[in-house]
Amino acid sequence: QVQLVESGGGLVQAGGSLRLSCVASGSIVTNAMGWYRQAPGKQRELVATIISGANTNYADSVKGRFTISRDNAKNTVYLQMNSLKPEDTAVYYCNAGTSLWRPGRYWGQGTQVTVSS
């Protein structure tokens, strides 16, 4: 059974930073991991993805502010979020799959990020 467990969400003021972590366990045949988010009343959207090696993909709205990284030895992917804005408020979901541009079949339970103005 595949499990993705996120942590690191919370409440932060605009301009602040948060770091999300996602630990993968179980049998996973994948080489892409990433973060997606869903704000109230909006569709889930890609935030950042990373494939084995250093290839990454970012949403235009977070380029220059967010950085995705992974530790393959720990089956963990991170999302460092700096210069946070109120519009970054959403539930952030970890995902595991095979593409930099589309989500895979495995999802975490989500972690809430709230940015106050």
PDB file of N, CA and C in Angstrom:
ATOM      1  N   GLN A   1       0.842  -1.191   0.000  1.00  0.00           N
ATOM      2  CA  GLN A   1       0.000   0.000   0.000  1.00  0.00           C
ATOM      3  C   GLN A   1       0.877   1.241   0.000  1.00  0.00           C
ATOM      4  N   VAL A   2       0.616   2.161  -0.922  1.00  0.00           N
ATOM      5  CA  VAL A   2       1.391   3.386  -1.036  1.00  0.00           C
ATOM      6  C   VAL A   2       0.795   4.442  -0.120  1.00  0.00           C
ATOM      7  N   GLN A   3       1.668   5.126   0.596  1.00  0.00           N
ATOM      8  CA  GLN A   3       1.234   6.230   1.449  1.00  0.00           C
ATOM      9  C   GLN A   3       2.135   7.434   1.250  1.00  0.00           C
ATOM     10  N   LEU A   4       1.507   8.606   1.177  1.00  0.00           N
ATOM     11  CA  LEU A   4       2.223   9.870   1.138  1.00  0.00           C
ATOM     12  C   LEU A   4       1.738  10.692   2.326  1.00  0.00           C
ATOM     13  N   VAL A   5       2.659  11.124   3.166  1.00  0.00           N
ATOM     14  CA  VAL A   5       2.290  11.860   4.374  1.00  0.00           C
ATOM     15  C   VAL A   5       2.956  13.224   4.350  1.00  0.00           C
ATOM     16  N   GLU A   6       2.125  14.266   4.319  1.00  0.00           N
ATOM     17  CA  GLU A   6       2.636  15.634   4.293  1.00  0.00           C
ATOM     18  C   GLU A   6       2.729  16.204   5.701  1.00  0.00           C
ATOM     19  N   SER A   7       3.585  17.183   5.851  1.00  0.00           N
ATOM     20  CA  SER A   7       3.687  17.950   7.084  1.00  0.00           C
ATOM     21  C   SER A   7       4.271  19.323   6.765  1.00  0.00           C
ATOM     22  N   GLY A   8       4.102  20.253   7.715  1.00  0.00           N
ATOM     23  CA  GLY A   8       4.733  21.554   7.563  1.00  0.00           C
ATOM     24  C   GLY A   8       3.799  22.699   7.254  1.00  0.00           C
ATOM     25  N   GLY A   9       2.525  22.429   7.054  1.00  0.00           N
ATOM     26  CA  GLY A   9       1.606  23.522   6.791  1.00  0.00           C
ATOM     27  C   GLY A   9       1.351  24.346   8.041  1.00  0.00           C
ATOM     28  N   GLY A  10       0.628  25.433   7.870  1.00  0.00           N
ATOM     29  CA  GLY A  10       0.303  26.283   9.003  1.00  0.00           C
ATOM     30  C   GLY A  10      -0.127  27.661   8.587  1.00  0.00           C
ATOM     31  N   LEU A  11      -0.139  28.552   9.557  1.00  0.00           N
ATOM     32  CA  LEU A  11      -0.545  29.948   9.353  1.00  0.00           C
ATOM     33  C   LEU A  11       0.691  30.834   9.385  1.00  0.00           C
ATOM     34  N   VAL A  12       0.814  31.697   8.391  1.00  0.00           N
ATOM     35  CA  VAL A  12       1.968  32.583   8.309  1.00  0.00           C
ATOM     36  C   VAL A  12       1.518  33.926   7.748  1.00  0.00           C
ATOM     37  N   GLN A  13       2.222  34.974   8.107  1.00  0.00           N
ATOM     38  CA  GLN A  13       1.916  36.288   7.565  1.00  0.00           C
ATOM     39  C   GLN A  13       2.489  36.440   6.166  1.00  0.00           C
ATOM     40  N   ALA A  14       1.894  37.310   5.400  1.00  0.00           N
ATOM     41  CA  ALA A  14       2.402  37.599   4.061  1.00  0.00           C
ATOM     42  C   ALA A  14       3.874  38.000   4.139  1.00  0.00           C
ATOM     43  N   GLY A  15       4.658  37.469   3.208  1.00  0.00           N
ATOM     44  CA  GLY A  15       6.090  37.717   3.208  1.00  0.00           C
ATOM     45  C   GLY A  15       6.887  36.665   3.958  1.00  0.00           C
ATOM     46  N   GLY A  16       6.204  35.825   4.699  1.00  0.00           N
ATOM     47  CA  GLY A  16       6.866  34.796   5.475  1.00  0.00           C
ATOM     48  C   GLY A  16       7.199  33.554   4.667  1.00  0.00           C
ATOM     49  N   SER A  17       7.693  32.543   5.375  1.00  0.00           N
ATOM     50  CA  SER A  17       8.129  31.305   4.731  1.00  0.00           C
ATOM     51  C   SER A  17       7.578  30.081   5.454  1.00  0.00           C
ATOM     52  N   LEU A  18       7.411  29.019   4.703  1.00  0.00           N
ATOM     53  CA  LEU A  18       7.058  27.712   5.244  1.00  0.00           C
ATOM     54  C   LEU A  18       7.786  26.653   4.431  1.00  0.00           C
ATOM     55  N   ARG A  19       8.014  25.510   5.055  1.00  0.00           N
ATOM     56  CA  ARG A  19       8.612  24.382   4.355  1.00  0.00           C
ATOM     57  C   ARG A  19       7.714  23.160   4.530  1.00  0.00           C
ATOM     58  N   LEU A  20       7.255  22.637   3.416  1.00  0.00           N
ATOM     59  CA  LEU A  20       6.445  21.428   3.435  1.00  0.00           C
ATOM     60  C   LEU A  20       7.320  20.206   3.171  1.00  0.00           C
ATOM     61  N   SER A  21       6.950  19.107   3.809  1.00  0.00           N
ATOM     62  CA  SER A  21       7.647  17.847   3.593  1.00  0.00           C
ATOM     63  C   SER A  21       6.633  16.766   3.250  1.00  0.00           C
ATOM     64  N   CYS A  22       7.057  15.800   2.454  1.00  0.00           N
ATOM     65  CA  CYS A  22       6.202  14.665   2.096  1.00  0.00           C
ATOM     66  C   CYS A  22       7.063  13.417   2.088  1.00  0.00           C
ATOM     67  N   VAL A  23       6.690  12.477   2.937  1.00  0.00           N
ATOM     68  CA  VAL A  23       7.411  11.214   3.018  1.00  0.00           C
ATOM     69  C   VAL A  23       6.591  10.132   2.328  1.00  0.00           C
ATOM     70  N   ALA A  24       7.229   9.421   1.435  1.00  0.00           N
ATOM     71  CA  ALA A  24       6.572   8.336   0.711  1.00  0.00           C
ATOM     72  C   ALA A  24       6.973   6.997   1.304  1.00  0.00           C
ATOM     73  N   SER A  25       5.989   6.141   1.491  1.00  0.00           N
ATOM     74  CA  SER A  25       6.270   4.801   1.978  1.00  0.00           C
ATOM     75  C   SER A  25       5.466   3.794   1.170  1.00  0.00           C
ATOM     76  N   GLY A  26       5.870   2.558   1.251  1.00  0.00           N
ATOM     77  CA  GLY A  26       5.201   1.533   0.472  1.00  0.00           C
ATOM     78  C   GLY A  26       5.921   1.305  -0.837  1.00  0.00           C
ATOM     79  N   SER A  27       5.304   0.534  -1.687  1.00  0.00           N
ATOM     80  CA  SER A  27       5.920   0.171  -2.957  1.00  0.00           C
ATOM     81  C   SER A  27       5.540   1.187  -4.026  1.00  0.00           C
ATOM     82  N   ILE A  28       6.490   1.992  -4.414  1.00  0.00           N
ATOM     83  CA  ILE A  28       6.217   3.036  -5.399  1.00  0.00           C
ATOM     84  C   ILE A  28       7.131   2.846  -6.602  1.00  0.00           C
ATOM     85  N   VAL A  29       6.544   2.701  -7.747  1.00  0.00           N
ATOM     86  CA  VAL A  29       7.329   2.682  -8.980  1.00  0.00           C
ATOM     87  C   VAL A  29       7.069   4.014  -9.669  1.00  0.00           C
ATOM     88  N   THR A  30       7.864   4.966  -9.328  1.00  0.00           N
ATOM     89  CA  THR A  30       7.651   6.311  -9.833  1.00  0.00           C
ATOM     90  C   THR A  30       8.979   7.017  -9.887  1.00  0.00           C
ATOM     91  N   ASN A  31       9.086   8.016 -10.721  1.00  0.00           N
ATOM     92  CA  ASN A  31      10.276   8.848 -10.652  1.00  0.00           C
ATOM     93  C   ASN A  31       9.919  10.331 -10.609  1.00  0.00           C
ATOM     94  N   ALA A  32       8.647  10.658 -10.414  1.00  0.00           N
ATOM     95  CA  ALA A  32       8.247  12.047 -10.291  1.00  0.00           C
ATOM     96  C   ALA A  32       7.452  12.250  -9.006  1.00  0.00           C
ATOM     97  N   MET A  33       7.774  13.306  -8.308  1.00  0.00           N
ATOM     98  CA  MET A  33       6.986  13.698  -7.140  1.00  0.00           C
ATOM     99  C   MET A  33       6.725  15.190  -7.228  1.00  0.00           C
ATOM    100  N   GLY A  34       5.680  15.604  -6.574  1.00  0.00           N
ATOM    101  CA  GLY A  34       5.369  17.023  -6.683  1.00  0.00           C
ATOM    102  C   GLY A  34       4.330  17.478  -5.712  1.00  0.00           C
ATOM    103  N   TRP A  35       4.010  18.755  -5.837  1.00  0.00           N
ATOM    104  CA  TRP A  35       3.023  19.412  -4.990  1.00  0.00           C
ATOM    105  C   TRP A  35       1.952  20.057  -5.868  1.00  0.00           C
ATOM    106  N   TYR A  36       0.735  19.871  -5.442  1.00  0.00           N
ATOM    107  CA  TYR A  36      -0.417  20.512  -6.059  1.00  0.00           C
ATOM    108  C   TYR A  36      -1.176  21.227  -4.951  1.00  0.00           C
ATOM    109  N   ARG A  37      -1.997  22.185  -5.304  1.00  0.00           N
ATOM    110  CA  ARG A  37      -2.775  22.890  -4.287  1.00  0.00           C
ATOM    111  C   ARG A  37      -4.189  23.161  -4.783  1.00  0.00           C
ATOM    112  N   GLN A  38      -5.084  23.312  -3.818  1.00  0.00           N
ATOM    113  CA  GLN A  38      -6.482  23.609  -4.143  1.00  0.00           C
ATOM    114  C   GLN A  38      -7.005  24.639  -3.157  1.00  0.00           C
ATOM    115  N   ALA A  39      -7.382  25.788  -3.700  1.00  0.00           N
ATOM    116  CA  ALA A  39      -7.993  26.843  -2.902  1.00  0.00           C
ATOM    117  C   ALA A  39      -9.507  26.670  -2.936  1.00  0.00           C
ATOM    118  N   PRO A  40     -10.208  27.228  -1.954  1.00  0.00           N
ATOM    119  CA  PRO A  40     -11.674  27.096  -1.921  1.00  0.00           C
ATOM    120  C   PRO A  40     -12.310  27.608  -3.207  1.00  0.00           C
ATOM    121  N   GLY A  41     -13.158  26.783  -3.795  1.00  0.00           N
ATOM    122  CA  GLY A  41     -13.866  27.176  -4.995  1.00  0.00           C
ATOM    123  C   GLY A  41     -13.056  27.109  -6.266  1.00  0.00           C
ATOM    124  N   LYS A  42     -11.844  26.593  -6.177  1.00  0.00           N
ATOM    125  CA  LYS A  42     -10.980  26.528  -7.357  1.00  0.00           C
ATOM    126  C   LYS A  42     -10.561  25.092  -7.618  1.00  0.00           C
ATOM    127  N   GLN A  43     -10.107  24.860  -8.841  1.00  0.00           N
ATOM    128  CA  GLN A  43      -9.611  23.537  -9.190  1.00  0.00           C
ATOM    129  C   GLN A  43      -8.219  23.314  -8.620  1.00  0.00           C
ATOM    130  N   ARG A  44      -7.902  22.054  -8.438  1.00  0.00           N
ATOM    131  CA  ARG A  44      -6.558  21.716  -7.996  1.00  0.00           C
ATOM    132  C   ARG A  44      -5.576  22.062  -9.101  1.00  0.00           C
ATOM    133  N   GLU A  45      -4.442  22.658  -8.707  1.00  0.00           N
ATOM    134  CA  GLU A  45      -3.464  23.082  -9.696  1.00  0.00           C
ATOM    135  C   GLU A  45      -2.057  22.641  -9.316  1.00  0.00           C
ATOM    136  N   LEU A  46      -1.239  22.486 -10.337  1.00  0.00           N
ATOM    137  CA  LEU A  46       0.158  22.126 -10.122  1.00  0.00           C
ATOM    138  C   LEU A  46       0.898  23.309  -9.504  1.00  0.00           C
ATOM    139  N   VAL A  47       1.726  23.001  -8.517  1.00  0.00           N
ATOM    140  CA  VAL A  47       2.591  24.008  -7.910  1.00  0.00           C
ATOM    141  C   VAL A  47       4.027  23.791  -8.372  1.00  0.00           C
ATOM    142  N   ALA A  48       4.541  22.590  -8.118  1.00  0.00           N
ATOM    143  CA  ALA A  48       5.911  22.267  -8.507  1.00  0.00           C
ATOM    144  C   ALA A  48       6.074  20.763  -8.542  1.00  0.00           C
ATOM    145  N   THR A  49       6.867  20.301  -9.481  1.00  0.00           N
ATOM    146  CA  THR A  49       7.169  18.873  -9.585  1.00  0.00           C
ATOM    147  C   THR A  49       8.652  18.686  -9.820  1.00  0.00           C
ATOM    148  N   ILE A  50       9.124  17.502  -9.467  1.00  0.00           N
ATOM    149  CA  ILE A  50      10.530  17.175  -9.653  1.00  0.00           C
ATOM    150  C   ILE A  50      10.641  15.719 -10.042  1.00  0.00           C
ATOM    151  N   ILE A  51      11.516  15.450 -10.988  1.00  0.00           N
ATOM    152  CA  ILE A  51      11.722  14.092 -11.450  1.00  0.00           C
ATOM    153  C   ILE A  51      13.132  13.686 -11.033  1.00  0.00           C
ATOM    154  N   SER A  52      13.416  12.396 -11.091  1.00  0.00           N
ATOM    155  CA  SER A  52      14.730  11.933 -10.651  1.00  0.00           C
ATOM    156  C   SER A  52      15.809  12.742 -11.356  1.00  0.00           C
ATOM    157  N   GLY A  53      16.776  13.145 -10.554  1.00  0.00           N
ATOM    158  CA  GLY A  53      17.752  14.082 -11.077  1.00  0.00           C
ATOM    159  C   GLY A  53      17.363  15.479 -10.674  1.00  0.00           C
ATOM    160  N   ALA A  54      17.544  16.442 -11.523  1.00  0.00           N
ATOM    161  CA  ALA A  54      17.292  17.828 -11.144  1.00  0.00           C
ATOM    162  C   ALA A  54      16.213  18.486 -11.983  1.00  0.00           C
ATOM    163  N   ASN A  55      15.521  17.758 -12.815  1.00  0.00           N
ATOM    164  CA  ASN A  55      14.487  18.363 -13.647  1.00  0.00           C
ATOM    165  C   ASN A  55      13.287  18.765 -12.807  1.00  0.00           C
ATOM    166  N   THR A  56      12.869  20.011 -12.961  1.00  0.00           N
ATOM    167  CA  THR A  56      11.740  20.526 -12.204  1.00  0.00           C
ATOM    168  C   THR A  56      10.779  21.283 -13.108  1.00  0.00           C
ATOM    169  N   ASN A  57       9.569  21.478 -12.580  1.00  0.00           N
ATOM    170  CA  ASN A  57       8.551  22.244 -13.282  1.00  0.00           C
ATOM    171  C   ASN A  57       7.801  23.060 -12.237  1.00  0.00           C
ATOM    172  N   TYR A  58       7.642  24.356 -12.487  1.00  0.00           N
ATOM    173  CA  TYR A  58       6.964  25.238 -11.536  1.00  0.00           C
ATOM    174  C   TYR A  58       5.813  25.969 -12.207  1.00  0.00           C
ATOM    175  N   ALA A  59       4.786  26.214 -11.433  1.00  0.00           N
ATOM    176  CA  ALA A  59       3.740  27.124 -11.896  1.00  0.00           C
ATOM    177  C   ALA A  59       4.334  28.522 -11.996  1.00  0.00           C
ATOM    178  N   ASP A  60       3.889  29.287 -12.985  1.00  0.00           N
ATOM    179  CA  ASP A  60       4.415  30.645 -13.154  1.00  0.00           C
ATOM    180  C   ASP A  60       4.218  31.491 -11.898  1.00  0.00           C
ATOM    181  N   SER A  61       3.138  31.251 -11.196  1.00  0.00           N
ATOM    182  CA  SER A  61       2.805  32.070 -10.030  1.00  0.00           C
ATOM    183  C   SER A  61       3.758  31.877  -8.854  1.00  0.00           C
ATOM    184  N   VAL A  62       4.536  30.804  -8.867  1.00  0.00           N
ATOM    185  CA  VAL A  62       5.429  30.546  -7.732  1.00  0.00           C
ATOM    186  C   VAL A  62       6.903  30.594  -8.118  1.00  0.00           C
ATOM    187  N   LYS A  63       7.201  30.761  -9.392  1.00  0.00           N
ATOM    188  CA  LYS A  63       8.593  30.800  -9.837  1.00  0.00           C
ATOM    189  C   LYS A  63       9.339  31.924  -9.132  1.00  0.00           C
ATOM    190  N   GLY A  64      10.532  31.605  -8.635  1.00  0.00           N
ATOM    191  CA  GLY A  64      11.344  32.582  -7.932  1.00  0.00           C
ATOM    192  C   GLY A  64      11.034  32.688  -6.451  1.00  0.00           C
ATOM    193  N   ARG A  65       9.924  32.074  -6.030  1.00  0.00           N
ATOM    194  CA  ARG A  65       9.553  32.124  -4.604  1.00  0.00           C
ATOM    195  C   ARG A  65       9.579  30.738  -3.954  1.00  0.00           C
ATOM    196  N   PHE A  66       9.193  29.720  -4.698  1.00  0.00           N
ATOM    197  CA  PHE A  66       9.142  28.354  -4.171  1.00  0.00           C
ATOM    198  C   PHE A  66      10.265  27.526  -4.778  1.00  0.00           C
ATOM    199  N   THR A  67      10.767  26.575  -3.972  1.00  0.00           N
ATOM    200  CA  THR A  67      11.798  25.657  -4.457  1.00  0.00           C
ATOM    201  C   THR A  67      11.438  24.238  -4.040  1.00  0.00           C
ATOM    202  N   ILE A  68      11.403  23.339  -5.016  1.00  0.00           N
ATOM    203  CA  ILE A  68      11.135  21.933  -4.735  1.00  0.00           C
ATOM    204  C   ILE A  68      12.451  21.169  -4.742  1.00  0.00           C
ATOM    205  N   SER A  69      12.561  20.215  -3.833  1.00  0.00           N
ATOM    206  CA  SER A  69      13.755  19.380  -3.776  1.00  0.00           C
ATOM    207  C   SER A  69      13.350  18.004  -3.262  1.00  0.00           C
ATOM    208  N   ARG A  70      14.244  17.047  -3.414  1.00  0.00           N
ATOM    209  CA  ARG A  70      13.922  15.705  -2.937  1.00  0.00           C
ATOM    210  C   ARG A  70      15.172  15.034  -2.394  1.00  0.00           C
ATOM    211  N   ASP A  71      14.939  14.122  -1.453  1.00  0.00           N
ATOM    212  CA  ASP A  71      15.992  13.289  -0.893  1.00  0.00           C
ATOM    213  C   ASP A  71      15.572  11.856  -1.191  1.00  0.00           C
ATOM    214  N   ASN A  72      16.154  11.271  -2.212  1.00  0.00           N
ATOM    215  CA  ASN A  72      15.738   9.941  -2.643  1.00  0.00           C
ATOM    216  C   ASN A  72      16.028   8.874  -1.587  1.00  0.00           C
ATOM    217  N   ALA A  73      17.090   9.061  -0.842  1.00  0.00           N
ATOM    218  CA  ALA A  73      17.430   8.085   0.190  1.00  0.00           C
ATOM    219  C   ALA A  73      16.354   8.037   1.271  1.00  0.00           C
ATOM    220  N   LYS A  74      15.671   9.159   1.468  1.00  0.00           N
ATOM    221  CA  LYS A  74      14.629   9.238   2.498  1.00  0.00           C
ATOM    222  C   LYS A  74      13.223   9.172   1.903  1.00  0.00           C
ATOM    223  N   ASN A  75      13.131   8.993   0.580  1.00  0.00           N
ATOM    224  CA  ASN A  75      11.818   8.998  -0.086  1.00  0.00           C
ATOM    225  C   ASN A  75      11.009  10.234   0.298  1.00  0.00           C
ATOM    226  N   THR A  76      11.665  11.369   0.329  1.00  0.00           N
ATOM    227  CA  THR A  76      11.035  12.604   0.809  1.00  0.00           C
ATOM    228  C   THR A  76      11.197  13.717  -0.222  1.00  0.00           C
ATOM    229  N   VAL A  77      10.122  14.469  -0.394  1.00  0.00           N
ATOM    230  CA  VAL A  77      10.155  15.653  -1.243  1.00  0.00           C
ATOM    231  C   VAL A  77       9.783  16.866  -0.394  1.00  0.00           C
ATOM    232  N   TYR A  78      10.437  17.976  -0.668  1.00  0.00           N
ATOM    233  CA  TYR A  78      10.239  19.195   0.105  1.00  0.00           C
ATOM    234  C   TYR A  78       9.753  20.322  -0.797  1.00  0.00           C
ATOM    235  N   LEU A  79       9.051  21.263  -0.203  1.00  0.00           N
ATOM    236  CA  LEU A  79       8.673  22.490  -0.897  1.00  0.00           C
ATOM    237  C   LEU A  79       8.978  23.660   0.023  1.00  0.00           C
ATOM    238  N   GLN A  80      10.026  24.393  -0.310  1.00  0.00           N
ATOM    239  CA  GLN A  80      10.369  25.600   0.430  1.00  0.00           C
ATOM    240  C   GLN A  80       9.609  26.758  -0.186  1.00  0.00           C
ATOM    241  N   MET A  81       8.796  27.412   0.626  1.00  0.00           N
ATOM    242  CA  MET A  81       7.947  28.495   0.135  1.00  0.00           C
ATOM    243  C   MET A  81       8.363  29.790   0.817  1.00  0.00           C
ATOM    244  N   ASN A  82       8.857  30.731   0.046  1.00  0.00           N
ATOM    245  CA  ASN A  82       9.278  32.034   0.541  1.00  0.00           C
ATOM    246  C   ASN A  82       8.400  33.127  -0.040  1.00  0.00           C
ATOM    247  N   SER A  83       8.462  34.290   0.575  1.00  0.00           N
ATOM    248  CA  SER A  83       7.691  35.450   0.102  1.00  0.00           C
ATOM    249  C   SER A  83       6.235  35.079  -0.139  1.00  0.00           C
ATOM    250  N   LEU A  84       5.659  34.421   0.823  1.00  0.00           N
ATOM    251  CA  LEU A  84       4.293  33.934   0.670  1.00  0.00           C
ATOM    252  C   LEU A  84       3.298  35.086   0.547  1.00  0.00           C
ATOM    253  N   LYS A  85       2.261  34.835  -0.242  1.00  0.00           N
ATOM    254  CA  LYS A  85       1.218  35.811  -0.499  1.00  0.00           C
ATOM    255  C   LYS A  85      -0.127  35.235  -0.064  1.00  0.00           C
ATOM    256  N   PRO A  86      -1.092  36.103   0.235  1.00  0.00           N
ATOM    257  CA  PRO A  86      -2.424  35.581   0.605  1.00  0.00           C
ATOM    258  C   PRO A  86      -3.009  34.646  -0.458  1.00  0.00           C
ATOM    259  N   GLU A  87      -2.705  34.884  -1.716  1.00  0.00           N
ATOM    260  CA  GLU A  87      -3.233  34.020  -2.772  1.00  0.00           C
ATOM    261  C   GLU A  87      -2.577  32.642  -2.810  1.00  0.00           C
ATOM    262  N   ASP A  88      -1.572  32.424  -1.992  1.00  0.00           N
ATOM    263  CA  ASP A  88      -0.998  31.082  -1.859  1.00  0.00           C
ATOM    264  C   ASP A  88      -1.797  30.222  -0.882  1.00  0.00           C
ATOM    265  N   THR A  89      -2.764  30.805  -0.220  1.00  0.00           N
ATOM    266  CA  THR A  89      -3.593  30.061   0.721  1.00  0.00           C
ATOM    267  C   THR A  89      -4.331  28.943   0.005  1.00  0.00           C
ATOM    268  N   ALA A  90      -4.168  27.716   0.501  1.00  0.00           N
ATOM    269  CA  ALA A  90      -4.780  26.547  -0.128  1.00  0.00           C
ATOM    270  C   ALA A  90      -4.437  25.308   0.692  1.00  0.00           C
ATOM    271  N   VAL A  91      -5.067  24.209   0.322  1.00  0.00           N
ATOM    272  CA  VAL A  91      -4.627  22.907   0.807  1.00  0.00           C
ATOM    273  C   VAL A  91      -3.593  22.391  -0.188  1.00  0.00           C
ATOM    274  N   TYR A  92      -2.444  22.029   0.323  1.00  0.00           N
ATOM    275  CA  TYR A  92      -1.349  21.549  -0.512  1.00  0.00           C
ATOM    276  C   TYR A  92      -1.269  20.024  -0.425  1.00  0.00           C
ATOM    277  N   TYR A  93      -1.229  19.394  -1.593  1.00  0.00           N
ATOM    278  CA  TYR A  93      -1.225  17.948  -1.678  1.00  0.00           C
ATOM    279  C   TYR A  93       0.077  17.453  -2.300  1.00  0.00           C
ATOM    280  N   CYS A  94       0.629  16.429  -1.700  1.00  0.00           N
ATOM    281  CA  CYS A  94       1.779  15.743  -2.271  1.00  0.00           C
ATOM    282  C   CYS A  94       1.277  14.712  -3.290  1.00  0.00           C
ATOM    283  N   ASN A  95       2.044  14.526  -4.338  1.00  0.00           N
ATOM    284  CA  ASN A  95       1.648  13.588  -5.393  1.00  0.00           C
ATOM    285  C   ASN A  95       2.859  12.815  -5.890  1.00  0.00           C
ATOM    286  N   ALA A  96       2.636  11.577  -6.254  1.00  0.00           N
ATOM    287  CA  ALA A  96       3.699  10.748  -6.839  1.00  0.00           C
ATOM    288  C   ALA A  96       3.209  10.160  -8.152  1.00  0.00           C
ATOM    289  N   GLY A  97       4.045  10.258  -9.162  1.00  0.00           N
ATOM    290  CA  GLY A  97       3.657   9.753 -10.469  1.00  0.00           C
ATOM    291  C   GLY A  97       4.851   9.610 -11.377  1.00  0.00           C
ATOM    292  N   THR A  98       4.624   9.867 -12.673  1.00  0.00           N
ATOM    293  CA  THR A  98       5.686   9.680 -13.642  1.00  0.00           C
ATOM    294  C   THR A  98       5.890  10.882 -14.553  1.00  0.00           C
ATOM    295  N   SER A  99       5.151  11.957 -14.330  1.00  0.00           N
ATOM    296  CA  SER A  99       5.222  13.105 -15.234  1.00  0.00           C
ATOM    297  C   SER A  99       5.482  14.398 -14.475  1.00  0.00           C
ATOM    298  N   LEU A 100       6.215  15.298 -15.115  1.00  0.00           N
ATOM    299  CA  LEU A 100       6.423  16.633 -14.549  1.00  0.00           C
ATOM    300  C   LEU A 100       5.201  17.524 -14.741  1.00  0.00           C
ATOM    301  N   TRP A 101       4.278  17.129 -15.628  1.00  0.00           N
ATOM    302  CA  TRP A 101       3.189  18.041 -16.000  1.00  0.00           C
ATOM    303  C   TRP A 101       1.800  17.549 -15.617  1.00  0.00           C
ATOM    304  N   ARG A 102       1.685  16.284 -15.248  1.00  0.00           N
ATOM    305  CA  ARG A 102       0.389  15.743 -14.865  1.00  0.00           C
ATOM    306  C   ARG A 102       0.527  14.951 -13.576  1.00  0.00           C
ATOM    307  N   PRO A 103      -0.516  14.999 -12.740  1.00  0.00           N
ATOM    308  CA  PRO A 103      -0.416  14.261 -11.480  1.00  0.00           C
ATOM    309  C   PRO A 103      -0.469  12.759 -11.692  1.00  0.00           C
ATOM    310  N   GLY A 104       0.185  12.023 -10.789  1.00  0.00           N
ATOM    311  CA  GLY A 104       0.113  10.577 -10.791  1.00  0.00           C
ATOM    312  C   GLY A 104      -1.054  10.097  -9.939  1.00  0.00           C
ATOM    313  N   ARG A 105      -1.131   8.816  -9.728  1.00  0.00           N
ATOM    314  CA  ARG A 105      -2.288   8.236  -9.050  1.00  0.00           C
ATOM    315  C   ARG A 105      -2.223   8.319  -7.535  1.00  0.00           C
ATOM    316  N   TYR A 106      -1.060   8.658  -6.994  1.00  0.00           N
ATOM    317  CA  TYR A 106      -0.915   8.634  -5.537  1.00  0.00           C
ATOM    318  C   TYR A 106      -0.974  10.050  -4.959  1.00  0.00           C
ATOM    319  N   TRP A 107      -1.820  10.218  -3.933  1.00  0.00           N
ATOM    320  CA  TRP A 107      -2.010  11.514  -3.294  1.00  0.00           C
ATOM    321  C   TRP A 107      -1.856  11.400  -1.786  1.00  0.00           C
ATOM    322  N   GLY A 108      -1.333  12.455  -1.188  1.00  0.00           N
ATOM    323  CA  GLY A 108      -1.352  12.566   0.259  1.00  0.00           C
ATOM    324  C   GLY A 108      -2.680  13.114   0.722  1.00  0.00           C
ATOM    325  N   GLN A 109      -2.813  13.280   2.031  1.00  0.00           N
ATOM    326  CA  GLN A 109      -4.086  13.728   2.602  1.00  0.00           C
ATOM    327  C   GLN A 109      -4.245  15.240   2.550  1.00  0.00           C
ATOM    328  N   GLY A 110      -3.156  15.945   2.292  1.00  0.00           N
ATOM    329  CA  GLY A 110      -3.195  17.401   2.192  1.00  0.00           C
ATOM    330  C   GLY A 110      -2.817  18.086   3.492  1.00  0.00           C
ATOM    331  N   THR A 111      -2.237  19.256   3.354  1.00  0.00           N
ATOM    332  CA  THR A 111      -1.887  20.083   4.511  1.00  0.00           C
ATOM    333  C   THR A 111      -2.277  21.527   4.210  1.00  0.00           C
ATOM    334  N   GLN A 112      -2.898  22.173   5.187  1.00  0.00           N
ATOM    335  CA  GLN A 112      -3.421  23.521   4.971  1.00  0.00           C
ATOM    336  C   GLN A 112      -2.312  24.555   5.122  1.00  0.00           C
ATOM    337  N   VAL A 113      -2.248  25.463   4.168  1.00  0.00           N
ATOM    338  CA  VAL A 113      -1.364  26.623   4.246  1.00  0.00           C
ATOM    339  C   VAL A 113      -2.250  27.862   4.181  1.00  0.00           C
ATOM    340  N   THR A 114      -2.136  28.690   5.194  1.00  0.00           N
ATOM    341  CA  THR A 114      -2.925  29.929   5.250  1.00  0.00           C
ATOM    342  C   THR A 114      -1.983  31.109   5.398  1.00  0.00           C
ATOM    343  N   VAL A 115      -2.100  32.055   4.482  1.00  0.00           N
ATOM    344  CA  VAL A 115      -1.248  33.250   4.499  1.00  0.00           C
ATOM    345  C   VAL A 115      -2.134  34.445   4.777  1.00  0.00           C
ATOM    346  N   SER A 116      -1.865  35.114   5.876  1.00  0.00           N
ATOM    347  CA  SER A 116      -2.667  36.276   6.258  1.00  0.00           C
ATOM    348  C   SER A 116      -2.037  37.556   5.716  1.00  0.00           C
ATOM    349  N   SER A 117      -2.894  38.512   5.422  1.00  0.00           N
ATOM    350  CA  SER A 117      -2.398  39.782   4.863  1.00  0.00           C
ATOM    351  C   SER A 117      -2.083  40.788   5.943  1.00  0.00           C
TER     352      SER A 117
END
